[in-house]
Amino acid sequence: ADLNGYEKFGLGNVKYNISRIHITDVEFPSASISLIPGTGIKLVIGNASLTFTMNWNIRTWMFKDSGRSTVYISKVFVTAIFSTPLHNTDHTSVSLTSCRTTSGDIDIKLNGKS
């Protein structure tokens, strides 16, 4: 899905469009799953990283530019707790009870026409 919008900066608006987002690499060097009695499942991911590419374009009243970008996000930590309530049916359900995510570094390389 494309991301479109605008932001106000100084004397005018900057319109932007981000499209063709493609995940090229995901690493989970440290991940664990444990059971929480009476509650559900706890997932912990440590020091993960994600790389993706995307097309972008921006437009202001003064100029416009477009290009391709590579984004690298590292030092990602996630802790999520899923509950698994018991029902009187044959179906199992899982719901996200809590989630905490932090990231350390983001490196963005922009390749544009200008």
PDB file of N, CA and C in Angstrom:
ATOM      1  N   ALA A   1       0.835  -1.180   0.000  1.00  0.00           N
ATOM      2  CA  ALA A   1       0.000   0.000   0.000  1.00  0.00           C
ATOM      3  C   ALA A   1       0.883   1.247   0.000  1.00  0.00           C
ATOM      4  N   ASP A   2       0.463   2.225  -0.763  1.00  0.00           N
ATOM      5  CA  ASP A   2       1.198   3.484  -0.832  1.00  0.00           C
ATOM      6  C   ASP A   2       0.921   4.343   0.393  1.00  0.00           C
ATOM      7  N   LEU A   3       1.880   5.185   0.748  1.00  0.00           N
ATOM      8  CA  LEU A   3       1.710   6.165   1.812  1.00  0.00           C
ATOM      9  C   LEU A   3       1.715   7.547   1.158  1.00  0.00           C
ATOM     10  N   ASN A   4       0.644   8.296   1.345  1.00  0.00           N
ATOM     11  CA  ASN A   4       0.513   9.627   0.768  1.00  0.00           C
ATOM     12  C   ASN A   4       0.167  10.613   1.867  1.00  0.00           C
ATOM     13  N   GLY A   5       0.553  11.866   1.667  1.00  0.00           N
ATOM     14  CA  GLY A   5       0.164  12.884   2.625  1.00  0.00           C
ATOM     15  C   GLY A   5       0.897  14.176   2.396  1.00  0.00           C
ATOM     16  N   TYR A   6       0.779  15.062   3.368  1.00  0.00           N
ATOM     17  CA  TYR A   6       1.509  16.320   3.308  1.00  0.00           C
ATOM     18  C   TYR A   6       1.839  16.778   4.722  1.00  0.00           C
ATOM     19  N   GLU A   7       2.884  17.554   4.797  1.00  0.00           N
ATOM     20  CA  GLU A   7       3.337  18.135   6.054  1.00  0.00           C
ATOM     21  C   GLU A   7       3.538  19.621   5.829  1.00  0.00           C
ATOM     22  N   LYS A   8       3.242  20.439   6.839  1.00  0.00           N
ATOM     23  CA  LYS A   8       3.467  21.881   6.760  1.00  0.00           C
ATOM     24  C   LYS A   8       4.878  22.200   7.217  1.00  0.00           C
ATOM     25  N   PHE A   9       5.606  22.918   6.376  1.00  0.00           N
ATOM     26  CA  PHE A   9       6.953  23.374   6.697  1.00  0.00           C
ATOM     27  C   PHE A   9       7.077  24.831   6.279  1.00  0.00           C
ATOM     28  N   GLY A  10       7.399  25.695   7.212  1.00  0.00           N
ATOM     29  CA  GLY A  10       7.662  27.092   6.886  1.00  0.00           C
ATOM     30  C   GLY A  10       6.568  27.762   6.081  1.00  0.00           C
ATOM     31  N   LEU A  11       6.869  28.081   4.839  1.00  0.00           N
ATOM     32  CA  LEU A  11       5.959  28.852   3.991  1.00  0.00           C
ATOM     33  C   LEU A  11       4.986  28.009   3.173  1.00  0.00           C
ATOM     34  N   GLY A  12       5.048  26.693   3.265  1.00  0.00           N
ATOM     35  CA  GLY A  12       4.147  25.895   2.444  1.00  0.00           C
ATOM     36  C   GLY A  12       4.081  24.455   2.874  1.00  0.00           C
ATOM     37  N   ASN A  13       3.363  23.699   2.074  1.00  0.00           N
ATOM     38  CA  ASN A  13       3.183  22.280   2.334  1.00  0.00           C
ATOM     39  C   ASN A  13       4.152  21.460   1.498  1.00  0.00           C
ATOM     40  N   VAL A  14       4.557  20.332   2.044  1.00  0.00           N
ATOM     41  CA  VAL A  14       5.343  19.348   1.305  1.00  0.00           C
ATOM     42  C   VAL A  14       4.440  18.130   1.115  1.00  0.00           C
ATOM     43  N   LYS A  15       4.118  17.843  -0.141  1.00  0.00           N
ATOM     44  CA  LYS A  15       3.326  16.657  -0.448  1.00  0.00           C
ATOM     45  C   LYS A  15       4.289  15.506  -0.721  1.00  0.00           C
ATOM     46  N   TYR A  16       3.945  14.326  -0.214  1.00  0.00           N
ATOM     47  CA  TYR A  16       4.827  13.185  -0.406  1.00  0.00           C
ATOM     48  C   TYR A  16       4.038  11.946  -0.793  1.00  0.00           C
ATOM     49  N   ASN A  17       4.738  11.039  -1.450  1.00  0.00           N
ATOM     50  CA  ASN A  17       4.187   9.732  -1.806  1.00  0.00           C
ATOM     51  C   ASN A  17       5.306   8.717  -1.657  1.00  0.00           C
ATOM     52  N   ILE A  18       5.036   7.637  -0.938  1.00  0.00           N
ATOM     53  CA  ILE A  18       5.978   6.528  -0.785  1.00  0.00           C
ATOM     54  C   ILE A  18       5.287   5.296  -1.343  1.00  0.00           C
ATOM     55  N   SER A  19       5.948   4.628  -2.286  1.00  0.00           N
ATOM     56  CA  SER A  19       5.318   3.488  -2.949  1.00  0.00           C
ATOM     57  C   SER A  19       6.326   2.363  -3.175  1.00  0.00           C
ATOM     58  N   ARG A  20       5.824   1.235  -3.588  1.00  0.00           N
ATOM     59  CA  ARG A  20       6.621   0.047  -3.914  1.00  0.00           C
ATOM     60  C   ARG A  20       7.583  -0.323  -2.788  1.00  0.00           C
ATOM     61  N   ILE A  21       7.036  -0.394  -1.560  1.00  0.00           N
ATOM     62  CA  ILE A  21       7.834  -0.791  -0.402  1.00  0.00           C
ATOM     63  C   ILE A  21       8.109  -2.289  -0.506  1.00  0.00           C
ATOM     64  N   HIS A  22       9.376  -2.645  -0.439  1.00  0.00           N
ATOM     65  CA  HIS A  22       9.779  -4.041  -0.600  1.00  0.00           C
ATOM     66  C   HIS A  22      10.779  -4.401   0.502  1.00  0.00           C
ATOM     67  N   ILE A  23      10.425  -5.369   1.351  1.00  0.00           N
ATOM     68  CA  ILE A  23      11.324  -5.835   2.413  1.00  0.00           C
ATOM     69  C   ILE A  23      12.374  -6.741   1.784  1.00  0.00           C
ATOM     70  N   THR A  24      13.646  -6.396   1.979  1.00  0.00           N
ATOM     71  CA  THR A  24      14.730  -7.159   1.358  1.00  0.00           C
ATOM     72  C   THR A  24      15.493  -8.037   2.341  1.00  0.00           C
ATOM     73  N   ASP A  25      15.402  -7.724   3.650  1.00  0.00           N
ATOM     74  CA  ASP A  25      16.128  -8.537   4.629  1.00  0.00           C
ATOM     75  C   ASP A  25      15.537  -8.340   6.018  1.00  0.00           C
ATOM     76  N   VAL A  26      15.397  -9.431   6.758  1.00  0.00           N
ATOM     77  CA  VAL A  26      14.948  -9.410   8.148  1.00  0.00           C
ATOM     78  C   VAL A  26      15.837 -10.375   8.924  1.00  0.00           C
ATOM     79  N   GLU A  27      16.344  -9.927  10.068  1.00  0.00           N
ATOM     80  CA  GLU A  27      17.177 -10.795  10.897  1.00  0.00           C
ATOM     81  C   GLU A  27      16.673 -10.788  12.331  1.00  0.00           C
ATOM     82  N   PHE A  28      16.547 -11.991  12.910  1.00  0.00           N
ATOM     83  CA  PHE A  28      16.161 -12.180  14.309  1.00  0.00           C
ATOM     84  C   PHE A  28      17.259 -12.975  15.006  1.00  0.00           C
ATOM     85  N   PRO A  29      18.370 -12.339  15.392  1.00  0.00           N
ATOM     86  CA  PRO A  29      19.459 -13.098  16.003  1.00  0.00           C
ATOM     87  C   PRO A  29      19.121 -13.655  17.384  1.00  0.00           C
ATOM     88  N   SER A  30      18.146 -13.046  18.050  1.00  0.00           N
ATOM     89  CA  SER A  30      17.769 -13.518  19.371  1.00  0.00           C
ATOM     90  C   SER A  30      16.249 -13.469  19.491  1.00  0.00           C
ATOM     91  N   ALA A  31      15.631 -14.633  19.584  1.00  0.00           N
ATOM     92  CA  ALA A  31      14.175 -14.694  19.732  1.00  0.00           C
ATOM     93  C   ALA A  31      13.817 -15.861  20.646  1.00  0.00           C
ATOM     94  N   SER A  32      12.796 -15.643  21.474  1.00  0.00           N
ATOM     95  CA  SER A  32      12.355 -16.717  22.361  1.00  0.00           C
ATOM     96  C   SER A  32      10.846 -16.646  22.547  1.00  0.00           C
ATOM     97  N   ILE A  33      10.262 -17.798  22.783  1.00  0.00           N
ATOM     98  CA  ILE A  33       8.828 -17.910  23.063  1.00  0.00           C
ATOM     99  C   ILE A  33       8.693 -18.697  24.359  1.00  0.00           C
ATOM    100  N   SER A  34       7.863 -18.180  25.263  1.00  0.00           N
ATOM    101  CA  SER A  34       7.644 -18.900  26.519  1.00  0.00           C
ATOM    102  C   SER A  34       6.162 -18.866  26.862  1.00  0.00           C
ATOM    103  N   LEU A  35       5.742 -19.861  27.630  1.00  0.00           N
ATOM    104  CA  LEU A  35       4.358 -19.938  28.073  1.00  0.00           C
ATOM    105  C   LEU A  35       4.204 -19.202  29.396  1.00  0.00           C
ATOM    106  N   ILE A  36       3.131 -18.454  29.523  1.00  0.00           N
ATOM    107  CA  ILE A  36       2.796 -17.778  30.774  1.00  0.00           C
ATOM    108  C   ILE A  36       1.557 -18.489  31.310  1.00  0.00           C
ATOM    109  N   PRO A  37       1.693 -19.275  32.370  1.00  0.00           N
ATOM    110  CA  PRO A  37       0.557 -20.058  32.871  1.00  0.00           C
ATOM    111  C   PRO A  37      -0.670 -19.179  33.157  1.00  0.00           C
ATOM    112  N   GLY A  38      -1.800 -19.605  32.655  1.00  0.00           N
ATOM    113  CA  GLY A  38      -3.054 -18.912  32.884  1.00  0.00           C
ATOM    114  C   GLY A  38      -3.248 -17.667  32.031  1.00  0.00           C
ATOM    115  N   THR A  39      -2.238 -17.306  31.229  1.00  0.00           N
ATOM    116  CA  THR A  39      -2.329 -16.084  30.421  1.00  0.00           C
ATOM    117  C   THR A  39      -2.187 -16.363  28.937  1.00  0.00           C
ATOM    118  N   GLY A  40      -1.074 -16.947  28.553  1.00  0.00           N
ATOM    119  CA  GLY A  40      -0.849 -17.185  27.132  1.00  0.00           C
ATOM    120  C   GLY A  40       0.604 -17.368  26.787  1.00  0.00           C
ATOM    121  N   ILE A  41       1.051 -16.613  25.797  1.00  0.00           N
ATOM    122  CA  ILE A  41       2.381 -16.788  25.227  1.00  0.00           C
ATOM    123  C   ILE A  41       3.123 -15.453  25.241  1.00  0.00           C
ATOM    124  N   LYS A  42       4.414 -15.500  25.596  1.00  0.00           N
ATOM    125  CA  LYS A  42       5.254 -14.310  25.564  1.00  0.00           C
ATOM    126  C   LYS A  42       6.316 -14.499  24.480  1.00  0.00           C
ATOM    127  N   LEU A  43       6.399 -13.518  23.583  1.00  0.00           N
ATOM    128  CA  LEU A  43       7.385 -13.521  22.509  1.00  0.00           C
ATOM    129  C   LEU A  43       8.368 -12.392  22.772  1.00  0.00           C
ATOM    130  N   VAL A  44       9.667 -12.706  22.772  1.00  0.00           N
ATOM    131  CA  VAL A  44      10.702 -11.695  22.958  1.00  0.00           C
ATOM    132  C   VAL A  44      11.677 -11.794  21.789  1.00  0.00           C
ATOM    133  N   ILE A  45      11.866 -10.676  21.101  1.00  0.00           N
ATOM    134  CA  ILE A  45      12.814 -10.594  19.986  1.00  0.00           C
ATOM    135  C   ILE A  45      13.830  -9.528  20.355  1.00  0.00           C
ATOM    136  N   GLY A  46      15.106  -9.886  20.283  1.00  0.00           N
ATOM    137  CA  GLY A  46      16.157  -8.949  20.651  1.00  0.00           C
ATOM    138  C   GLY A  46      17.125  -8.689  19.524  1.00  0.00           C
ATOM    139  N   ASN A  47      17.539  -7.436  19.389  1.00  0.00           N
ATOM    140  CA  ASN A  47      18.557  -7.018  18.435  1.00  0.00           C
ATOM    141  C   ASN A  47      18.229  -7.409  16.994  1.00  0.00           C
ATOM    142  N   ALA A  48      16.979  -7.281  16.609  1.00  0.00           N
ATOM    143  CA  ALA A  48      16.562  -7.594  15.250  1.00  0.00           C
ATOM    144  C   ALA A  48      16.900  -6.441  14.316  1.00  0.00           C
ATOM    145  N   SER A  49      16.866  -6.728  13.005  1.00  0.00           N
ATOM    146  CA  SER A  49      17.083  -5.675  12.016  1.00  0.00           C
ATOM    147  C   SER A  49      16.187  -5.919  10.805  1.00  0.00           C
ATOM    148  N   LEU A  50      15.945  -4.848  10.068  1.00  0.00           N
ATOM    149  CA  LEU A  50      15.048  -4.875   8.917  1.00  0.00           C
ATOM    150  C   LEU A  50      15.610  -3.941   7.856  1.00  0.00           C
ATOM    151  N   THR A  51      15.633  -4.407   6.615  1.00  0.00           N
ATOM    152  CA  THR A  51      16.035  -3.567   5.492  1.00  0.00           C
ATOM    153  C   THR A  51      14.916  -3.584   4.462  1.00  0.00           C
ATOM    154  N   PHE A  52      14.558  -2.393   3.958  1.00  0.00           N
ATOM    155  CA  PHE A  52      13.567  -2.336   2.891  1.00  0.00           C
ATOM    156  C   PHE A  52      13.891  -1.212   1.921  1.00  0.00           C
ATOM    157  N   THR A  53      13.370  -1.352   0.701  1.00  0.00           N
ATOM    158  CA  THR A  53      13.536  -0.338  -0.327  1.00  0.00           C
ATOM    159  C   THR A  53      12.168   0.242  -0.658  1.00  0.00           C
ATOM    160  N   MET A  54      12.184   1.437  -1.241  1.00  0.00           N
ATOM    161  CA  MET A  54      10.923   2.081  -1.599  1.00  0.00           C
ATOM    162  C   MET A  54      11.180   3.177  -2.628  1.00  0.00           C
ATOM    163  N   ASN A  55      10.139   3.521  -3.373  1.00  0.00           N
ATOM    164  CA  ASN A  55      10.162   4.690  -4.238  1.00  0.00           C
ATOM    165  C   ASN A  55       9.562   5.845  -3.458  1.00  0.00           C
ATOM    166  N   TRP A  56      10.010   7.052  -3.732  1.00  0.00           N
ATOM    167  CA  TRP A  56       9.476   8.224  -3.042  1.00  0.00           C
ATOM    168  C   TRP A  56       9.408   9.398  -4.010  1.00  0.00           C
ATOM    169  N   ASN A  57       8.491  10.322  -3.752  1.00  0.00           N
ATOM    170  CA  ASN A  57       8.503  11.602  -4.445  1.00  0.00           C
ATOM    171  C   ASN A  57       7.918  12.657  -3.522  1.00  0.00           C
ATOM    172  N   ILE A  58       8.464  13.854  -3.644  1.00  0.00           N
ATOM    173  CA  ILE A  58       7.992  14.987  -2.865  1.00  0.00           C
ATOM    174  C   ILE A  58       7.742  16.154  -3.808  1.00  0.00           C
ATOM    175  N   ARG A  59       6.836  17.029  -3.388  1.00  0.00           N
ATOM    176  CA  ARG A  59       6.505  18.192  -4.199  1.00  0.00           C
ATOM    177  C   ARG A  59       6.171  19.358  -3.285  1.00  0.00           C
ATOM    178  N   THR A  60       6.774  20.506  -3.571  1.00  0.00           N
ATOM    179  CA  THR A  60       6.445  21.754  -2.883  1.00  0.00           C
ATOM    180  C   THR A  60       6.098  22.783  -3.950  1.00  0.00           C
ATOM    181  N   TRP A  61       5.769  23.978  -3.538  1.00  0.00           N
ATOM    182  CA  TRP A  61       5.469  25.019  -4.512  1.00  0.00           C
ATOM    183  C   TRP A  61       6.722  25.460  -5.254  1.00  0.00           C
ATOM    184  N   MET A  62       7.923  25.128  -4.704  1.00  0.00           N
ATOM    185  CA  MET A  62       9.181  25.548  -5.325  1.00  0.00           C
ATOM    186  C   MET A  62       9.852  24.464  -6.164  1.00  0.00           C
ATOM    187  N   PHE A  63       9.728  23.201  -5.767  1.00  0.00           N
ATOM    188  CA  PHE A  63      10.428  22.138  -6.491  1.00  0.00           C
ATOM    189  C   PHE A  63       9.729  20.804  -6.285  1.00  0.00           C
ATOM    190  N   LYS A  64      10.160  19.847  -7.096  1.00  0.00           N
ATOM    191  CA  LYS A  64       9.712  18.474  -6.904  1.00  0.00           C
ATOM    192  C   LYS A  64      10.897  17.553  -7.149  1.00  0.00           C
ATOM    193  N   ASP A  65      10.866  16.400  -6.518  1.00  0.00           N
ATOM    194  CA  ASP A  65      11.947  15.434  -6.662  1.00  0.00           C
ATOM    195  C   ASP A  65      11.386  14.047  -6.409  1.00  0.00           C
ATOM    196  N   SER A  66      12.076  13.039  -6.939  1.00  0.00           N
ATOM    197  CA  SER A  66      11.664  11.657  -6.722  1.00  0.00           C
ATOM    198  C   SER A  66      12.894  10.773  -6.803  1.00  0.00           C
ATOM    199  N   GLY A  67      12.752   9.555  -6.325  1.00  0.00           N
ATOM    200  CA  GLY A  67      13.873   8.630  -6.377  1.00  0.00           C
ATOM    201  C   GLY A  67      13.565   7.325  -5.668  1.00  0.00           C
ATOM    202  N   ARG A  68      14.615   6.630  -5.339  1.00  0.00           N
ATOM    203  CA  ARG A  68      14.531   5.338  -4.665  1.00  0.00           C
ATOM    204  C   ARG A  68      15.297   5.466  -3.353  1.00  0.00           C
ATOM    205  N   SER A  69      14.893   4.710  -2.346  1.00  0.00           N
ATOM    206  CA  SER A  69      15.522   4.796  -1.043  1.00  0.00           C
ATOM    207  C   SER A  69      15.705   3.407  -0.452  1.00  0.00           C
ATOM    208  N   THR A  70      16.767   3.247   0.335  1.00  0.00           N
ATOM    209  CA  THR A  70      16.991   2.037   1.117  1.00  0.00           C
ATOM    210  C   THR A  70      16.998   2.436   2.584  1.00  0.00           C
ATOM    211  N   VAL A  71      16.230   1.725   3.398  1.00  0.00           N
ATOM    212  CA  VAL A  71      16.113   2.016   4.826  1.00  0.00           C
ATOM    213  C   VAL A  71      16.579   0.790   5.606  1.00  0.00           C
ATOM    214  N   TYR A  72      17.481   1.024   6.560  1.00  0.00           N
ATOM    215  CA  TYR A  72      17.983  -0.039   7.423  1.00  0.00           C
ATOM    216  C   TYR A  72      17.662   0.341   8.865  1.00  0.00           C
ATOM    217  N   ILE A  73      16.877  -0.496   9.545  1.00  0.00           N
ATOM    218  CA  ILE A  73      16.511  -0.280  10.944  1.00  0.00           C
ATOM    219  C   ILE A  73      17.169  -1.384  11.756  1.00  0.00           C
ATOM    220  N   SER A  74      17.924  -0.998  12.792  1.00  0.00           N
ATOM    221  CA  SER A  74      18.632  -2.003  13.594  1.00  0.00           C
ATOM    222  C   SER A  74      18.376  -1.777  15.073  1.00  0.00           C
ATOM    223  N   LYS A  75      18.851  -2.721  15.863  1.00  0.00           N
ATOM    224  CA  LYS A  75      18.672  -2.705  17.316  1.00  0.00           C
ATOM    225  C   LYS A  75      17.190  -2.637  17.691  1.00  0.00           C
ATOM    226  N   VAL A  76      16.404  -3.484  17.035  1.00  0.00           N
ATOM    227  CA  VAL A  76      14.964  -3.539  17.285  1.00  0.00           C
ATOM    228  C   VAL A  76      14.698  -4.585  18.373  1.00  0.00           C
ATOM    229  N   PHE A  77      13.938  -4.182  19.386  1.00  0.00           N
ATOM    230  CA  PHE A  77      13.571  -5.076  20.476  1.00  0.00           C
ATOM    231  C   PHE A  77      12.046  -5.096  20.588  1.00  0.00           C
ATOM    232  N   VAL A  78      11.473  -6.297  20.653  1.00  0.00           N
ATOM    233  CA  VAL A  78      10.022  -6.465  20.730  1.00  0.00           C
ATOM    234  C   VAL A  78       9.694  -7.421  21.866  1.00  0.00           C
ATOM    235  N   THR A  79       8.736  -7.041  22.696  1.00  0.00           N
ATOM    236  CA  THR A  79       8.161  -7.944  23.684  1.00  0.00           C
ATOM    237  C   THR A  79       6.654  -7.924  23.483  1.00  0.00           C
ATOM    238  N   ALA A  80       6.082  -9.078  23.199  1.00  0.00           N
ATOM    239  CA  ALA A  80       4.644  -9.168  22.956  1.00  0.00           C
ATOM    240  C   ALA A  80       4.052 -10.296  23.783  1.00  0.00           C
ATOM    241  N   ILE A  81       2.863 -10.052  24.308  1.00  0.00           N
ATOM    242  CA  ILE A  81       2.153 -11.081  25.060  1.00  0.00           C
ATOM    243  C   ILE A  81       0.829 -11.349  24.352  1.00  0.00           C
ATOM    244  N   PHE A  82       0.603 -12.607  24.047  1.00  0.00           N
ATOM    245  CA  PHE A  82      -0.620 -13.051  23.383  1.00  0.00           C
ATOM    246  C   PHE A  82      -1.448 -13.864  24.365  1.00  0.00           C
ATOM    247  N   SER A  83      -2.732 -13.563  24.441  1.00  0.00           N
ATOM    248  CA  SER A  83      -3.598 -14.382  25.297  1.00  0.00           C
ATOM    249  C   SER A  83      -4.280 -15.428  24.426  1.00  0.00           C
ATOM    250  N   THR A  84      -4.521 -16.559  25.038  1.00  0.00           N
ATOM    251  CA  THR A  84      -5.182 -17.661  24.341  1.00  0.00           C
ATOM    252  C   THR A  84      -6.377 -18.101  25.165  1.00  0.00           C
ATOM    253  N   PRO A  85      -7.470 -17.307  25.100  1.00  0.00           N
ATOM    254  CA  PRO A  85      -8.639 -17.651  25.915  1.00  0.00           C
ATOM    255  C   PRO A  85      -9.271 -18.965  25.461  1.00  0.00           C
ATOM    256  N   LEU A  86      -9.777 -19.688  26.433  1.00  0.00           N
ATOM    257  CA  LEU A  86     -10.458 -20.936  26.135  1.00  0.00           C
ATOM    258  C   LEU A  86     -11.949 -20.657  25.922  1.00  0.00           C
ATOM    259  N   HIS A  87     -12.485 -21.209  24.850  1.00  0.00           N
ATOM    260  CA  HIS A  87     -13.898 -21.048  24.525  1.00  0.00           C
ATOM    261  C   HIS A  87     -14.556 -22.423  24.509  1.00  0.00           C
ATOM    262  N   ASN A  88     -15.853 -22.436  24.554  1.00  0.00           N
ATOM    263  CA  ASN A  88     -16.594 -23.695  24.492  1.00  0.00           C
ATOM    264  C   ASN A  88     -16.804 -24.147  23.056  1.00  0.00           C
ATOM    265  N   THR A  89     -15.961 -23.675  22.134  1.00  0.00           N
ATOM    266  CA  THR A  89     -16.062 -24.078  20.733  1.00  0.00           C
ATOM    267  C   THR A  89     -14.799 -24.831  20.353  1.00  0.00           C
ATOM    268  N   ASP A  90     -14.794 -25.333  19.155  1.00  0.00           N
ATOM    269  CA  ASP A  90     -13.623 -26.051  18.663  1.00  0.00           C
ATOM    270  C   ASP A  90     -12.553 -25.114  18.123  1.00  0.00           C
ATOM    271  N   HIS A  91     -12.801 -23.802  18.145  1.00  0.00           N
ATOM    272  CA  HIS A  91     -11.871 -22.843  17.574  1.00  0.00           C
ATOM    273  C   HIS A  91     -10.958 -22.252  18.643  1.00  0.00           C
ATOM    274  N   THR A  92      -9.706 -22.133  18.295  1.00  0.00           N
ATOM    275  CA  THR A  92      -8.747 -21.490  19.176  1.00  0.00           C
ATOM    276  C   THR A  92      -8.578 -20.046  18.708  1.00  0.00           C
ATOM    277  N   SER A  93      -8.547 -19.128  19.654  1.00  0.00           N
ATOM    278  CA  SER A  93      -8.317 -17.735  19.283  1.00  0.00           C
ATOM    279  C   SER A  93      -7.076 -17.228  20.000  1.00  0.00           C
ATOM    280  N   VAL A  94      -6.405 -16.296  19.357  1.00  0.00           N
ATOM    281  CA  VAL A  94      -5.219 -15.673  19.923  1.00  0.00           C
ATOM    282  C   VAL A  94      -5.391 -14.170  19.754  1.00  0.00           C
ATOM    283  N   SER A  95      -5.171 -13.431  20.836  1.00  0.00           N
ATOM    284  CA  SER A  95      -5.245 -11.971  20.734  1.00  0.00           C
ATOM    285  C   SER A  95      -4.019 -11.351  21.377  1.00  0.00           C
ATOM    286  N   LEU A  96      -3.610 -10.217  20.825  1.00  0.00           N
ATOM    287  CA  LEU A  96      -2.458  -9.498  21.333  1.00  0.00           C
ATOM    288  C   LEU A  96      -2.876  -8.709  22.566  1.00  0.00           C
ATOM    289  N   THR A  97      -2.278  -9.026  23.709  1.00  0.00           N
ATOM    290  CA  THR A  97      -2.610  -8.367  24.967  1.00  0.00           C
ATOM    291  C   THR A  97      -1.758  -7.134  25.191  1.00  0.00           C
ATOM    292  N   SER A  98      -0.461  -7.241  24.924  1.00  0.00           N
ATOM    293  CA  SER A  98       0.428  -6.088  25.054  1.00  0.00           C
ATOM    294  C   SER A  98       1.601  -6.239  24.098  1.00  0.00           C
ATOM    295  N   CYS A  99       2.157  -5.101  23.712  1.00  0.00           N
ATOM    296  CA  CYS A  99       3.298  -5.114  22.804  1.00  0.00           C
ATOM    297  C   CYS A  99       4.153  -3.882  23.075  1.00  0.00           C
ATOM    298  N   ARG A 100       5.447  -4.079  23.178  1.00  0.00           N
ATOM    299  CA  ARG A 100       6.388  -2.968  23.373  1.00  0.00           C
ATOM    300  C   ARG A 100       7.522  -3.150  22.372  1.00  0.00           C
ATOM    301  N   THR A 101       7.786  -2.108  21.608  1.00  0.00           N
ATOM    302  CA  THR A 101       8.822  -2.159  20.584  1.00  0.00           C
ATOM    303  C   THR A 101       9.713  -0.927  20.696  1.00  0.00           C
ATOM    304  N   THR A 102      11.003  -1.135  20.601  1.00  0.00           N
ATOM    305  CA  THR A 102      11.952  -0.021  20.540  1.00  0.00           C
ATOM    306  C   THR A 102      12.935  -0.293  19.407  1.00  0.00           C
ATOM    307  N   SER A 103      13.434   0.768  18.813  1.00  0.00           N
ATOM    308  CA  SER A 103      14.467   0.619  17.792  1.00  0.00           C
ATOM    309  C   SER A 103      15.601   1.573  18.106  1.00  0.00           C
ATOM    310  N   GLY A 104      16.809   1.163  17.773  1.00  0.00           N
ATOM    311  CA  GLY A 104      17.977   1.952  18.110  1.00  0.00           C
ATOM    312  C   GLY A 104      18.438   2.865  17.000  1.00  0.00           C
ATOM    313  N   ASP A 105      18.695   2.332  15.824  1.00  0.00           N
ATOM    314  CA  ASP A 105      19.269   3.106  14.733  1.00  0.00           C
ATOM    315  C   ASP A 105      18.437   2.971  13.468  1.00  0.00           C
ATOM    316  N   ILE A 106      18.334   4.071  12.731  1.00  0.00           N
ATOM    317  CA  ILE A 106      17.687   4.067  11.421  1.00  0.00           C
ATOM    318  C   ILE A 106      18.633   4.763  10.451  1.00  0.00           C
ATOM    319  N   ASP A 107      18.990   4.067   9.370  1.00  0.00           N
ATOM    320  CA  ASP A 107      19.879   4.606   8.345  1.00  0.00           C
ATOM    321  C   ASP A 107      19.084   4.679   7.044  1.00  0.00           C
ATOM    322  N   ILE A 108      18.957   5.885   6.470  1.00  0.00           N
ATOM    323  CA  ILE A 108      18.183   6.078   5.249  1.00  0.00           C
ATOM    324  C   ILE A 108      19.113   6.607   4.163  1.00  0.00           C
ATOM    325  N   LYS A 109      19.148   5.907   3.026  1.00  0.00           N
ATOM    326  CA  LYS A 109      19.915   6.363   1.875  1.00  0.00           C
ATOM    327  C   LYS A 109      18.936   6.781   0.788  1.00  0.00           C
ATOM    328  N   LEU A 110      18.974   8.075   0.415  1.00  0.00           N
ATOM    329  CA  LEU A 110      18.085   8.606  -0.605  1.00  0.00           C
ATOM    330  C   LEU A 110      18.846   8.761  -1.908  1.00  0.00           C
ATOM    331  N   ASN A 111      18.270   8.238  -2.979  1.00  0.00           N
ATOM    332  CA  ASN A 111      18.815   8.434  -4.314  1.00  0.00           C
ATOM    333  C   ASN A 111      17.759   9.186  -5.106  1.00  0.00           C
ATOM    334  N   GLY A 112      18.040  10.450  -5.404  1.00  0.00           N
ATOM    335  CA  GLY A 112      17.065  11.279  -6.100  1.00  0.00           C
ATOM    336  C   GLY A 112      17.670  11.941  -7.312  1.00  0.00           C
ATOM    337  N   LYS A 113      16.843  12.667  -8.015  1.00  0.00           N
ATOM    338  CA  LYS A 113      17.269  13.361  -9.224  1.00  0.00           C
ATOM    339  C   LYS A 113      18.009  14.648  -8.904  1.00  0.00           C
ATOM    340  N   SER A 114      17.635  15.299  -7.793  1.00  0.00           N
ATOM    341  CA  SER A 114      18.267  16.580  -7.445  1.00  0.00           C
ATOM    342  C   SER A 114      19.480  16.361  -6.560  1.00  0.00           C
TER     343      SER A 114
END
